[in-house]
Amino acid sequence: MRNDDDIYNEIGRILFEVAPDGARKIIMRAQLSRERDSCEYEYDYVDEQGNVAWFTAGGRANTDILDLLTELRLWHVENKLTGGLPAWNGLEVVLDLVKSKINIDFFYPEN
């Protein structure tokens, strides 16, 4: 299994490849299903003027990202990064295309 940095880099690569022309930031929100065999996605981008618009990443990107999110979640569980609590089930990824930086915020199930 890859480490988390490798998975983050792969997510960033995919988002870079699907970014619309003129995008400066990509924002992806993903919510894994309870069974972790599907995912709901929202994709937004920020253009050069600061306008926010949505876009679709396409089936291939969605499938590849689902595989990566499942792998990342398993990596967190296997490396005991959950503090004994349920692992995250959603996240928001912000990819800054200008600064080549990625930020990920995880969302956890409500009790």
PDB file of N, CA and C in Angstrom:
ATOM      1  N   MET A   1       0.841  -1.181   0.000  1.00  0.00           N
ATOM      2  CA  MET A   1       0.000   0.000   0.000  1.00  0.00           C
ATOM      3  C   MET A   1       0.887   1.246   0.000  1.00  0.00           C
ATOM      4  N   ARG A   2       0.474   2.226  -0.769  1.00  0.00           N
ATOM      5  CA  ARG A   2       1.206   3.495  -0.824  1.00  0.00           C
ATOM      6  C   ARG A   2       1.030   4.264   0.480  1.00  0.00           C
ATOM      7  N   ASN A   3       1.878   5.261   0.690  1.00  0.00           N
ATOM      8  CA  ASN A   3       1.681   6.115   1.866  1.00  0.00           C
ATOM      9  C   ASN A   3       0.721   7.250   1.516  1.00  0.00           C
ATOM     10  N   ASP A   4       0.319   8.002   2.529  1.00  0.00           N
ATOM     11  CA  ASP A   4      -0.695   9.037   2.310  1.00  0.00           C
ATOM     12  C   ASP A   4      -0.208  10.145   1.376  1.00  0.00           C
ATOM     13  N   ASP A   5       1.067  10.506   1.425  1.00  0.00           N
ATOM     14  CA  ASP A   5       1.575  11.543   0.526  1.00  0.00           C
ATOM     15  C   ASP A   5       1.445  11.129  -0.937  1.00  0.00           C
ATOM     16  N   ASP A   6       1.714   9.864  -1.231  1.00  0.00           N
ATOM     17  CA  ASP A   6       1.566   9.374  -2.599  1.00  0.00           C
ATOM     18  C   ASP A   6       0.113   9.468  -3.057  1.00  0.00           C
ATOM     19  N   ILE A   7      -0.804   9.144  -2.157  1.00  0.00           N
ATOM     20  CA  ILE A   7      -2.232   9.206  -2.491  1.00  0.00           C
ATOM     21  C   ILE A   7      -2.656  10.657  -2.705  1.00  0.00           C
ATOM     22  N   TYR A   8      -2.220  11.565  -1.827  1.00  0.00           N
ATOM     23  CA  TYR A   8      -2.537  12.988  -1.995  1.00  0.00           C
ATOM     24  C   TYR A   8      -2.014  13.500  -3.340  1.00  0.00           C
ATOM     25  N   ASN A   9      -0.799  13.122  -3.691  1.00  0.00           N
ATOM     26  CA  ASN A   9      -0.216  13.553  -4.964  1.00  0.00           C
ATOM     27  C   ASN A   9      -1.022  13.046  -6.149  1.00  0.00           C
ATOM     28  N   GLU A  10      -1.500  11.819  -6.062  1.00  0.00           N
ATOM     29  CA  GLU A  10      -2.289  11.242  -7.154  1.00  0.00           C
ATOM     30  C   GLU A  10      -3.641  11.954  -7.277  1.00  0.00           C
ATOM     31  N   ILE A  11      -4.270  12.269  -6.154  1.00  0.00           N
ATOM     32  CA  ILE A  11      -5.523  13.035  -6.188  1.00  0.00           C
ATOM     33  C   ILE A  11      -5.268  14.395  -6.840  1.00  0.00           C
ATOM     34  N   GLY A  12      -4.191  15.054  -6.443  1.00  0.00           N
ATOM     35  CA  GLY A  12      -3.835  16.344  -7.031  1.00  0.00           C
ATOM     36  C   GLY A  12      -3.584  16.254  -8.520  1.00  0.00           C
ATOM     37  N   ARG A  13      -2.930  15.198  -8.953  1.00  0.00           N
ATOM     38  CA  ARG A  13      -2.647  15.011 -10.385  1.00  0.00           C
ATOM     39  C   ARG A  13      -3.944  14.890 -11.174  1.00  0.00           C
ATOM     40  N   ILE A  14      -4.869  14.082 -10.662  1.00  0.00           N
ATOM     41  CA  ILE A  14      -6.144  13.899 -11.361  1.00  0.00           C
ATOM     42  C   ILE A  14      -6.904  15.220 -11.437  1.00  0.00           C
ATOM     43  N   LEU A  15      -6.971  15.944 -10.324  1.00  0.00           N
ATOM     44  CA  LEU A  15      -7.686  17.222 -10.325  1.00  0.00           C
ATOM     45  C   LEU A  15      -7.033  18.227 -11.271  1.00  0.00           C
ATOM     46  N   PHE A  16      -5.706  18.221 -11.332  1.00  0.00           N
ATOM     47  CA  PHE A  16      -4.992  19.092 -12.266  1.00  0.00           C
ATOM     48  C   PHE A  16      -5.391  18.771 -13.704  1.00  0.00           C
ATOM     49  N   GLU A  17      -5.480  17.483 -14.016  1.00  0.00           N
ATOM     50  CA  GLU A  17      -5.795  17.059 -15.384  1.00  0.00           C
ATOM     51  C   GLU A  17      -7.213  17.420 -15.811  1.00  0.00           C
ATOM     52  N   VAL A  18      -8.157  17.449 -14.867  1.00  0.00           N
ATOM     53  CA  VAL A  18      -9.551  17.740 -15.229  1.00  0.00           C
ATOM     54  C   VAL A  18      -9.909  19.217 -15.050  1.00  0.00           C
ATOM     55  N   ALA A  19      -8.963  20.024 -14.603  1.00  0.00           N
ATOM     56  CA  ALA A  19      -9.235  21.444 -14.339  1.00  0.00           C
ATOM     57  C   ALA A  19      -9.645  22.168 -15.622  1.00  0.00           C
ATOM     58  N   PRO A  20     -10.713  22.947 -15.548  1.00  0.00           N
ATOM     59  CA  PRO A  20     -11.117  23.739 -16.717  1.00  0.00           C
ATOM     60  C   PRO A  20     -10.061  24.795 -17.062  1.00  0.00           C
ATOM     61  N   ASP A  21     -10.033  25.189 -18.315  1.00  0.00           N
ATOM     62  CA  ASP A  21      -9.130  26.267 -18.738  1.00  0.00           C
ATOM     63  C   ASP A  21      -9.424  27.517 -17.924  1.00  0.00           C
ATOM     64  N   GLY A  22      -8.389  28.204 -17.490  1.00  0.00           N
ATOM     65  CA  GLY A  22      -8.538  29.438 -16.735  1.00  0.00           C
ATOM     66  C   GLY A  22      -8.736  29.238 -15.243  1.00  0.00           C
ATOM     67  N   ALA A  23      -8.789  27.994 -14.792  1.00  0.00           N
ATOM     68  CA  ALA A  23      -8.982  27.725 -13.361  1.00  0.00           C
ATOM     69  C   ALA A  23      -7.707  28.041 -12.596  1.00  0.00           C
ATOM     70  N   ARG A  24      -7.890  28.644 -11.429  1.00  0.00           N
ATOM     71  CA  ARG A  24      -6.758  28.915 -10.534  1.00  0.00           C
ATOM     72  C   ARG A  24      -6.816  28.031  -9.304  1.00  0.00           C
ATOM     73  N   LYS A  25      -8.029  27.632  -8.922  1.00  0.00           N
ATOM     74  CA  LYS A  25      -8.222  26.701  -7.807  1.00  0.00           C
ATOM     75  C   LYS A  25      -9.301  25.704  -8.185  1.00  0.00           C
ATOM     76  N   ILE A  26      -9.120  24.480  -7.703  1.00  0.00           N
ATOM     77  CA  ILE A  26     -10.119  23.429  -7.845  1.00  0.00           C
ATOM     78  C   ILE A  26     -10.575  23.058  -6.445  1.00  0.00           C
ATOM     79  N   ILE A  27     -11.880  22.945  -6.267  1.00  0.00           N
ATOM     80  CA  ILE A  27     -12.444  22.531  -4.985  1.00  0.00           C
ATOM     81  C   ILE A  27     -13.286  21.293  -5.241  1.00  0.00           C
ATOM     82  N   MET A  28     -12.924  20.208  -4.588  1.00  0.00           N
ATOM     83  CA  MET A  28     -13.681  18.966  -4.716  1.00  0.00           C
ATOM     84  C   MET A  28     -14.219  18.585  -3.346  1.00  0.00           C
ATOM     85  N   ARG A  29     -15.511  18.334  -3.289  1.00  0.00           N
ATOM     86  CA  ARG A  29     -16.124  17.792  -2.078  1.00  0.00           C
ATOM     87  C   ARG A  29     -16.578  16.384  -2.405  1.00  0.00           C
ATOM     88  N   ALA A  30     -16.272  15.451  -1.518  1.00  0.00           N
ATOM     89  CA  ALA A  30     -16.634  14.053  -1.750  1.00  0.00           C
ATOM     90  C   ALA A  30     -17.205  13.459  -0.476  1.00  0.00           C
ATOM     91  N   GLN A  31     -18.261  12.684  -0.642  1.00  0.00           N
ATOM     92  CA  GLN A  31     -18.909  11.998   0.475  1.00  0.00           C
ATOM     93  C   GLN A  31     -18.999  10.522   0.115  1.00  0.00           C
ATOM     94  N   LEU A  32     -18.271   9.685   0.857  1.00  0.00           N
ATOM     95  CA  LEU A  32     -18.303   8.242   0.614  1.00  0.00           C
ATOM     96  C   LEU A  32     -19.612   7.656   1.110  1.00  0.00           C
ATOM     97  N   SER A  33     -20.123   6.669   0.376  1.00  0.00           N
ATOM     98  CA  SER A  33     -21.320   5.966   0.837  1.00  0.00           C
ATOM     99  C   SER A  33     -20.962   5.131   2.060  1.00  0.00           C
ATOM    100  N   ARG A  34     -21.973   4.724   2.777  1.00  0.00           N
ATOM    101  CA  ARG A  34     -21.758   3.901   3.974  1.00  0.00           C
ATOM    102  C   ARG A  34     -20.976   2.628   3.628  1.00  0.00           C
ATOM    103  N   GLU A  35     -21.265   2.073   2.454  1.00  0.00           N
ATOM    104  CA  GLU A  35     -20.592   0.837   2.018  1.00  0.00           C
ATOM    105  C   GLU A  35     -19.220   1.115   1.415  1.00  0.00           C
ATOM    106  N   ARG A  36     -18.908   2.387   1.181  1.00  0.00           N
ATOM    107  CA  ARG A  36     -17.644   2.825   0.588  1.00  0.00           C
ATOM    108  C   ARG A  36     -17.423   2.274  -0.821  1.00  0.00           C
ATOM    109  N   ASP A  37     -18.543   2.005  -1.521  1.00  0.00           N
ATOM    110  CA  ASP A  37     -18.420   1.518  -2.893  1.00  0.00           C
ATOM    111  C   ASP A  37     -18.901   2.550  -3.912  1.00  0.00           C
ATOM    112  N   SER A  38     -19.301   3.711  -3.415  1.00  0.00           N
ATOM    113  CA  SER A  38     -19.682   4.814  -4.292  1.00  0.00           C
ATOM    114  C   SER A  38     -19.435   6.125  -3.548  1.00  0.00           C
ATOM    115  N   CYS A  39     -19.529   7.202  -4.290  1.00  0.00           N
ATOM    116  CA  CYS A  39     -19.182   8.497  -3.715  1.00  0.00           C
ATOM    117  C   CYS A  39     -19.984   9.583  -4.420  1.00  0.00           C
ATOM    118  N   GLU A  40     -20.433  10.577  -3.661  1.00  0.00           N
ATOM    119  CA  GLU A  40     -21.046  11.772  -4.242  1.00  0.00           C
ATOM    120  C   GLU A  40     -19.968  12.843  -4.333  1.00  0.00           C
ATOM    121  N   TYR A  41     -19.907  13.502  -5.492  1.00  0.00           N
ATOM    122  CA  TYR A  41     -18.885  14.515  -5.726  1.00  0.00           C
ATOM    123  C   TYR A  41     -19.516  15.858  -6.062  1.00  0.00           C
ATOM    124  N   GLU A  42     -18.836  16.918  -5.680  1.00  0.00           N
ATOM    125  CA  GLU A  42     -19.103  18.279  -6.160  1.00  0.00           C
ATOM    126  C   GLU A  42     -17.757  18.847  -6.581  1.00  0.00           C
ATOM    127  N   TYR A  43     -17.728  19.429  -7.758  1.00  0.00           N
ATOM    128  CA  TYR A  43     -16.505  20.060  -8.250  1.00  0.00           C
ATOM    129  C   TYR A  43     -16.788  21.523  -8.565  1.00  0.00           C
ATOM    130  N   ASP A  44     -15.988  22.400  -7.995  1.00  0.00           N
ATOM    131  CA  ASP A  44     -16.046  23.826  -8.304  1.00  0.00           C
ATOM    132  C   ASP A  44     -14.645  24.276  -8.691  1.00  0.00           C
ATOM    133  N   TYR A  45     -14.594  25.398  -9.387  1.00  0.00           N
ATOM    134  CA  TYR A  45     -13.297  26.013  -9.656  1.00  0.00           C
ATOM    135  C   TYR A  45     -13.418  27.515  -9.502  1.00  0.00           C
ATOM    136  N   VAL A  46     -12.291  28.139  -9.230  1.00  0.00           N
ATOM    137  CA  VAL A  46     -12.193  29.592  -9.129  1.00  0.00           C
ATOM    138  C   VAL A  46     -11.344  30.053 -10.307  1.00  0.00           C
ATOM    139  N   ASP A  47     -11.891  30.987 -11.084  1.00  0.00           N
ATOM    140  CA  ASP A  47     -11.155  31.446 -12.264  1.00  0.00           C
ATOM    141  C   ASP A  47     -10.265  32.650 -11.937  1.00  0.00           C
ATOM    142  N   GLU A  48      -9.646  33.195 -12.977  1.00  0.00           N
ATOM    143  CA  GLU A  48      -8.689  34.288 -12.809  1.00  0.00           C
ATOM    144  C   GLU A  48      -9.314  35.557 -12.237  1.00  0.00           C
ATOM    145  N   GLN A  49     -10.629  35.727 -12.407  1.00  0.00           N
ATOM    146  CA  GLN A  49     -11.325  36.901 -11.876  1.00  0.00           C
ATOM    147  C   GLN A  49     -11.915  36.645 -10.488  1.00  0.00           C
ATOM    148  N   GLY A  50     -11.725  35.445  -9.951  1.00  0.00           N
ATOM    149  CA  GLY A  50     -12.266  35.107  -8.641  1.00  0.00           C
ATOM    150  C   GLY A  50     -13.681  34.565  -8.678  1.00  0.00           C
ATOM    151  N   ASN A  51     -14.223  34.350  -9.874  1.00  0.00           N
ATOM    152  CA  ASN A  51     -15.562  33.782 -10.009  1.00  0.00           C
ATOM    153  C   ASN A  51     -15.532  32.289  -9.720  1.00  0.00           C
ATOM    154  N   VAL A  52     -16.588  31.801  -9.073  1.00  0.00           N
ATOM    155  CA  VAL A  52     -16.703  30.374  -8.756  1.00  0.00           C
ATOM    156  C   VAL A  52     -17.745  29.759  -9.681  1.00  0.00           C
ATOM    157  N   ALA A  53     -17.420  28.617 -10.262  1.00  0.00           N
ATOM    158  CA  ALA A  53     -18.347  27.886 -11.128  1.00  0.00           C
ATOM    159  C   ALA A  53     -18.138  26.396 -10.904  1.00  0.00           C
ATOM    160  N   TRP A  54     -19.141  25.616 -11.253  1.00  0.00           N
ATOM    161  CA  TRP A  54     -19.031  24.169 -11.084  1.00  0.00           C
ATOM    162  C   TRP A  54     -18.603  23.543 -12.406  1.00  0.00           C
ATOM    163  N   PHE A  55     -18.125  22.319 -12.322  1.00  0.00           N
ATOM    164  CA  PHE A  55     -17.780  21.542 -13.510  1.00  0.00           C
ATOM    165  C   PHE A  55     -17.897  20.067 -13.165  1.00  0.00           C
ATOM    166  N   THR A  56     -17.868  19.235 -14.173  1.00  0.00           N
ATOM    167  CA  THR A  56     -17.855  17.793 -13.946  1.00  0.00           C
ATOM    168  C   THR A  56     -16.474  17.263 -14.309  1.00  0.00           C
ATOM    169  N   ALA A  57     -16.031  16.290 -13.548  1.00  0.00           N
ATOM    170  CA  ALA A  57     -14.696  15.738 -13.772  1.00  0.00           C
ATOM    171  C   ALA A  57     -14.716  14.560 -14.738  1.00  0.00           C
ATOM    172  N   GLY A  58     -15.870  13.939 -14.911  1.00  0.00           N
ATOM    173  CA  GLY A  58     -15.976  12.788 -15.799  1.00  0.00           C
ATOM    174  C   GLY A  58     -15.888  11.475 -15.045  1.00  0.00           C
ATOM    175  N   GLY A  59     -16.421  10.449 -15.663  1.00  0.00           N
ATOM    176  CA  GLY A  59     -16.513   9.137 -15.035  1.00  0.00           C
ATOM    177  C   GLY A  59     -15.180   8.520 -14.658  1.00  0.00           C
ATOM    178  N   ARG A  60     -14.195   8.636 -15.528  1.00  0.00           N
ATOM    179  CA  ARG A  60     -12.884   8.040 -15.243  1.00  0.00           C
ATOM    180  C   ARG A  60     -12.259   8.678 -14.010  1.00  0.00           C
ATOM    181  N   ALA A  61     -12.287  10.001 -13.936  1.00  0.00           N
ATOM    182  CA  ALA A  61     -11.716  10.699 -12.777  1.00  0.00           C
ATOM    183  C   ALA A  61     -12.468  10.329 -11.508  1.00  0.00           C
ATOM    184  N   ASN A  62     -13.799  10.282 -11.579  1.00  0.00           N
ATOM    185  CA  ASN A  62     -14.585   9.919 -10.396  1.00  0.00           C
ATOM    186  C   ASN A  62     -14.243   8.520  -9.904  1.00  0.00           C
ATOM    187  N   THR A  63     -14.116   7.580 -10.820  1.00  0.00           N
ATOM    188  CA  THR A  63     -13.775   6.205 -10.447  1.00  0.00           C
ATOM    189  C   THR A  63     -12.382   6.137  -9.837  1.00  0.00           C
ATOM    190  N   ASP A  64     -11.428   6.808 -10.461  1.00  0.00           N
ATOM    191  CA  ASP A  64     -10.057   6.795  -9.938  1.00  0.00           C
ATOM    192  C   ASP A  64      -9.980   7.455  -8.561  1.00  0.00           C
ATOM    193  N   ILE A  65     -10.708   8.554  -8.384  1.00  0.00           N
ATOM    194  CA  ILE A  65     -10.689   9.231  -7.085  1.00  0.00           C
ATOM    195  C   ILE A  65     -11.371   8.378  -6.024  1.00  0.00           C
ATOM    196  N   LEU A  66     -12.460   7.693  -6.369  1.00  0.00           N
ATOM    197  CA  LEU A  66     -13.097   6.784  -5.405  1.00  0.00           C
ATOM    198  C   LEU A  66     -12.097   5.736  -4.932  1.00  0.00           C
ATOM    199  N   ASP A  67     -11.354   5.149  -5.857  1.00  0.00           N
ATOM    200  CA  ASP A  67     -10.342   4.153  -5.479  1.00  0.00           C
ATOM    201  C   ASP A  67      -9.302   4.764  -4.540  1.00  0.00           C
ATOM    202  N   LEU A  68      -8.873   5.985  -4.834  1.00  0.00           N
ATOM    203  CA  LEU A  68      -7.869   6.649  -3.996  1.00  0.00           C
ATOM    204  C   LEU A  68      -8.423   6.989  -2.618  1.00  0.00           C
ATOM    205  N   LEU A  69      -9.665   7.450  -2.553  1.00  0.00           N
ATOM    206  CA  LEU A  69     -10.264   7.785  -1.260  1.00  0.00           C
ATOM    207  C   LEU A  69     -10.440   6.542  -0.401  1.00  0.00           C
ATOM    208  N   THR A  70     -10.836   5.446  -1.023  1.00  0.00           N
ATOM    209  CA  THR A  70     -10.976   4.187  -0.294  1.00  0.00           C
ATOM    210  C   THR A  70      -9.622   3.736   0.239  1.00  0.00           C
ATOM    211  N   GLU A  71      -8.593   3.855  -0.589  1.00  0.00           N
ATOM    212  CA  GLU A  71      -7.235   3.493  -0.170  1.00  0.00           C
ATOM    213  C   GLU A  71      -6.745   4.402   0.957  1.00  0.00           C
ATOM    214  N   LEU A  72      -7.007   5.697   0.845  1.00  0.00           N
ATOM    215  CA  LEU A  72      -6.572   6.655   1.862  1.00  0.00           C
ATOM    216  C   LEU A  72      -7.273   6.401   3.195  1.00  0.00           C
ATOM    217  N   ARG A  73      -8.555   6.132   3.142  1.00  0.00           N
ATOM    218  CA  ARG A  73      -9.308   5.855   4.372  1.00  0.00           C
ATOM    219  C   ARG A  73      -8.756   4.600   5.047  1.00  0.00           C
ATOM    220  N   LEU A  74      -8.503   3.556   4.271  1.00  0.00           N
ATOM    221  CA  LEU A  74      -7.933   2.322   4.805  1.00  0.00           C
ATOM    222  C   LEU A  74      -6.557   2.590   5.407  1.00  0.00           C
ATOM    223  N   TRP A  75      -5.758   3.421   4.754  1.00  0.00           N
ATOM    224  CA  TRP A  75      -4.430   3.767   5.264  1.00  0.00           C
ATOM    225  C   TRP A  75      -4.559   4.431   6.630  1.00  0.00           C
ATOM    226  N   HIS A  76      -5.518   5.332   6.776  1.00  0.00           N
ATOM    227  CA  HIS A  76      -5.742   5.999   8.073  1.00  0.00           C
ATOM    228  C   HIS A  76      -6.127   4.986   9.148  1.00  0.00           C
ATOM    229  N   VAL A  77      -6.997   4.046   8.802  1.00  0.00           N
ATOM    230  CA  VAL A  77      -7.436   3.030   9.773  1.00  0.00           C
ATOM    231  C   VAL A  77      -6.273   2.119  10.148  1.00  0.00           C
ATOM    232  N   GLU A  78      -5.558   1.607   9.148  1.00  0.00           N
ATOM    233  CA  GLU A  78      -4.464   0.666   9.409  1.00  0.00           C
ATOM    234  C   GLU A  78      -3.311   1.307  10.176  1.00  0.00           C
ATOM    235  N   ASN A  79      -3.145   2.603  10.039  1.00  0.00           N
ATOM    236  CA  ASN A  79      -2.080   3.303  10.754  1.00  0.00           C
ATOM    237  C   ASN A  79      -2.571   3.953  12.041  1.00  0.00           C
ATOM    238  N   LYS A  80      -3.762   3.539  12.455  1.00  0.00           N
ATOM    239  CA  LYS A  80      -4.347   3.951  13.740  1.00  0.00           C
ATOM    240  C   LYS A  80      -4.395   5.472  13.898  1.00  0.00           C
ATOM    241  N   LEU A  81      -4.873   6.143  12.854  1.00  0.00           N
ATOM    242  CA  LEU A  81      -4.971   7.596  12.876  1.00  0.00           C
ATOM    243  C   LEU A  81      -6.388   8.079  13.177  1.00  0.00           C
ATOM    244  N   THR A  82      -7.240   7.173  13.657  1.00  0.00           N
ATOM    245  CA  THR A  82      -8.632   7.547  13.928  1.00  0.00           C
ATOM    246  C   THR A  82      -8.888   7.822  15.401  1.00  0.00           C
ATOM    247  N   GLY A  83      -7.909   7.593  16.250  1.00  0.00           N
ATOM    248  CA  GLY A  83      -8.094   7.821  17.681  1.00  0.00           C
ATOM    249  C   GLY A  83      -9.182   6.956  18.282  1.00  0.00           C
ATOM    250  N   GLY A  84      -9.398   5.787  17.701  1.00  0.00           N
ATOM    251  CA  GLY A  84     -10.427   4.885  18.201  1.00  0.00           C
ATOM    252  C   GLY A  84     -11.837   5.257  17.775  1.00  0.00           C
ATOM    253  N   LEU A  85     -11.975   6.311  17.007  1.00  0.00           N
ATOM    254  CA  LEU A  85     -13.282   6.757  16.521  1.00  0.00           C
ATOM    255  C   LEU A  85     -13.491   6.273  15.091  1.00  0.00           C
ATOM    256  N   PRO A  86     -14.723   6.367  14.591  1.00  0.00           N
ATOM    257  CA  PRO A  86     -14.940   6.004  13.187  1.00  0.00           C
ATOM    258  C   PRO A  86     -14.080   6.874  12.268  1.00  0.00           C
ATOM    259  N   ALA A  87     -13.606   6.284  11.194  1.00  0.00           N
ATOM    260  CA  ALA A  87     -12.787   7.018  10.229  1.00  0.00           C
ATOM    261  C   ALA A  87     -13.654   8.025   9.473  1.00  0.00           C
ATOM    262  N   TRP A  88     -13.020   8.979   8.855  1.00  0.00           N
ATOM    263  CA  TRP A  88     -13.724  10.006   8.082  1.00  0.00           C
ATOM    264  C   TRP A  88     -14.555   9.359   6.982  1.00  0.00           C
ATOM    265  N   ASN A  89     -15.600  10.080   6.579  1.00  0.00           N
ATOM    266  CA  ASN A  89     -16.445   9.573   5.499  1.00  0.00           C
ATOM    267  C   ASN A  89     -16.644  10.603   4.382  1.00  0.00           C
ATOM    268  N   GLY A  90     -15.988  11.737   4.511  1.00  0.00           N
ATOM    269  CA  GLY A  90     -16.063  12.753   3.475  1.00  0.00           C
ATOM    270  C   GLY A  90     -14.888  13.703   3.596  1.00  0.00           C
ATOM    271  N   LEU A  91     -14.704  14.517   2.573  1.00  0.00           N
ATOM    272  CA  LEU A  91     -13.595  15.461   2.602  1.00  0.00           C
ATOM    273  C   LEU A  91     -13.805  16.579   1.603  1.00  0.00           C
ATOM    274  N   GLU A  92     -13.031  17.637   1.804  1.00  0.00           N
ATOM    275  CA  GLU A  92     -12.963  18.729   0.840  1.00  0.00           C
ATOM    276  C   GLU A  92     -11.498  18.910   0.474  1.00  0.00           C
ATOM    277  N   VAL A  93     -11.236  18.890  -0.810  1.00  0.00           N
ATOM    278  CA  VAL A  93      -9.882  19.071  -1.330  1.00  0.00           C
ATOM    279  C   VAL A  93      -9.837  20.410  -2.058  1.00  0.00           C
ATOM    280  N   VAL A  94      -8.860  21.231  -1.724  1.00  0.00           N
ATOM    281  CA  VAL A  94      -8.636  22.480  -2.451  1.00  0.00           C
ATOM    282  C   VAL A  94      -7.250  22.380  -3.076  1.00  0.00           C
ATOM    283  N   LEU A  95      -7.224  22.434  -4.388  1.00  0.00           N
ATOM    284  CA  LEU A  95      -5.966  22.398  -5.130  1.00  0.00           C
ATOM    285  C   LEU A  95      -5.726  23.785  -5.712  1.00  0.00           C
ATOM    286  N   ASP A  96      -4.678  24.451  -5.227  1.00  0.00           N
ATOM    287  CA  ASP A  96      -4.288  25.765  -5.730  1.00  0.00           C
ATOM    288  C   ASP A  96      -3.349  25.528  -6.908  1.00  0.00           C
ATOM    289  N   LEU A  97      -3.846  25.802  -8.105  1.00  0.00           N
ATOM    290  CA  LEU A  97      -3.064  25.533  -9.309  1.00  0.00           C
ATOM    291  C   LEU A  97      -1.937  26.539  -9.504  1.00  0.00           C
ATOM    292  N   VAL A  98      -2.063  27.719  -8.921  1.00  0.00           N
ATOM    293  CA  VAL A  98      -1.027  28.745  -9.048  1.00  0.00           C
ATOM    294  C   VAL A  98       0.155  28.422  -8.138  1.00  0.00           C
ATOM    295  N   LYS A  99      -0.150  28.050  -6.894  1.00  0.00           N
ATOM    296  CA  LYS A  99       0.894  27.761  -5.907  1.00  0.00           C
ATOM    297  C   LYS A  99       1.295  26.291  -5.871  1.00  0.00           C
ATOM    298  N   SER A 100       0.605  25.453  -6.634  1.00  0.00           N
ATOM    299  CA  SER A 100       0.847  24.001  -6.632  1.00  0.00           C
ATOM    300  C   SER A 100       0.768  23.438  -5.211  1.00  0.00           C
ATOM    301  N   LYS A 101      -0.309  23.805  -4.499  1.00  0.00           N
ATOM    302  CA  LYS A 101      -0.515  23.329  -3.128  1.00  0.00           C
ATOM    303  C   LYS A 101      -1.864  22.641  -3.038  1.00  0.00           C
ATOM    304  N   ILE A 102      -1.910  21.627  -2.180  1.00  0.00           N
ATOM    305  CA  ILE A 102      -3.155  20.910  -1.949  1.00  0.00           C
ATOM    306  C   ILE A 102      -3.470  20.959  -0.459  1.00  0.00           C
ATOM    307  N   ASN A 103      -4.745  21.147  -0.144  1.00  0.00           N
ATOM    308  CA  ASN A 103      -5.203  21.144   1.242  1.00  0.00           C
ATOM    309  C   ASN A 103      -6.416  20.222   1.322  1.00  0.00           C
ATOM    310  N   ILE A 104      -6.445  19.379   2.345  1.00  0.00           N
ATOM    311  CA  ILE A 104      -7.552  18.436   2.508  1.00  0.00           C
ATOM    312  C   ILE A 104      -8.109  18.554   3.914  1.00  0.00           C
ATOM    313  N   ASP A 105      -9.420  18.770   3.996  1.00  0.00           N
ATOM    314  CA  ASP A 105     -10.144  18.769   5.266  1.00  0.00           C
ATOM    315  C   ASP A 105     -11.059  17.554   5.276  1.00  0.00           C
ATOM    316  N   PHE A 106     -10.982  16.776   6.344  1.00  0.00           N
ATOM    317  CA  PHE A 106     -11.776  15.558   6.462  1.00  0.00           C
ATOM    318  C   PHE A 106     -13.040  15.818   7.260  1.00  0.00           C
ATOM    319  N   PHE A 107     -14.108  15.103   6.908  1.00  0.00           N
ATOM    320  CA  PHE A 107     -15.383  15.174   7.617  1.00  0.00           C
ATOM    321  C   PHE A 107     -15.661  13.817   8.236  1.00  0.00           C
ATOM    322  N   TYR A 108     -16.173  13.840   9.447  1.00  0.00           N
ATOM    323  CA  TYR A 108     -16.387  12.609  10.213  1.00  0.00           C
ATOM    324  C   TYR A 108     -17.873  12.371  10.431  1.00  0.00           C
ATOM    325  N   PRO A 109     -18.256  11.094  10.574  1.00  0.00           N
ATOM    326  CA  PRO A 109     -19.673  10.789  10.793  1.00  0.00           C
ATOM    327  C   PRO A 109     -20.168  11.424  12.088  1.00  0.00           C
ATOM    328  N   GLU A 110     -21.408  11.870  12.035  1.00  0.00           N
ATOM    329  CA  GLU A 110     -22.017  12.400  13.252  1.00  0.00           C
ATOM    330  C   GLU A 110     -22.476  11.233  14.104  1.00  0.00           C
ATOM    331  N   ASN A 111     -22.328  11.383  15.399  1.00  0.00           N
ATOM    332  CA  ASN A 111     -22.726  10.292  16.303  1.00  0.00           C
ATOM    333  C   ASN A 111     -24.209  10.183  16.408  1.00  0.00           C
TER     334      ASN A 111
END
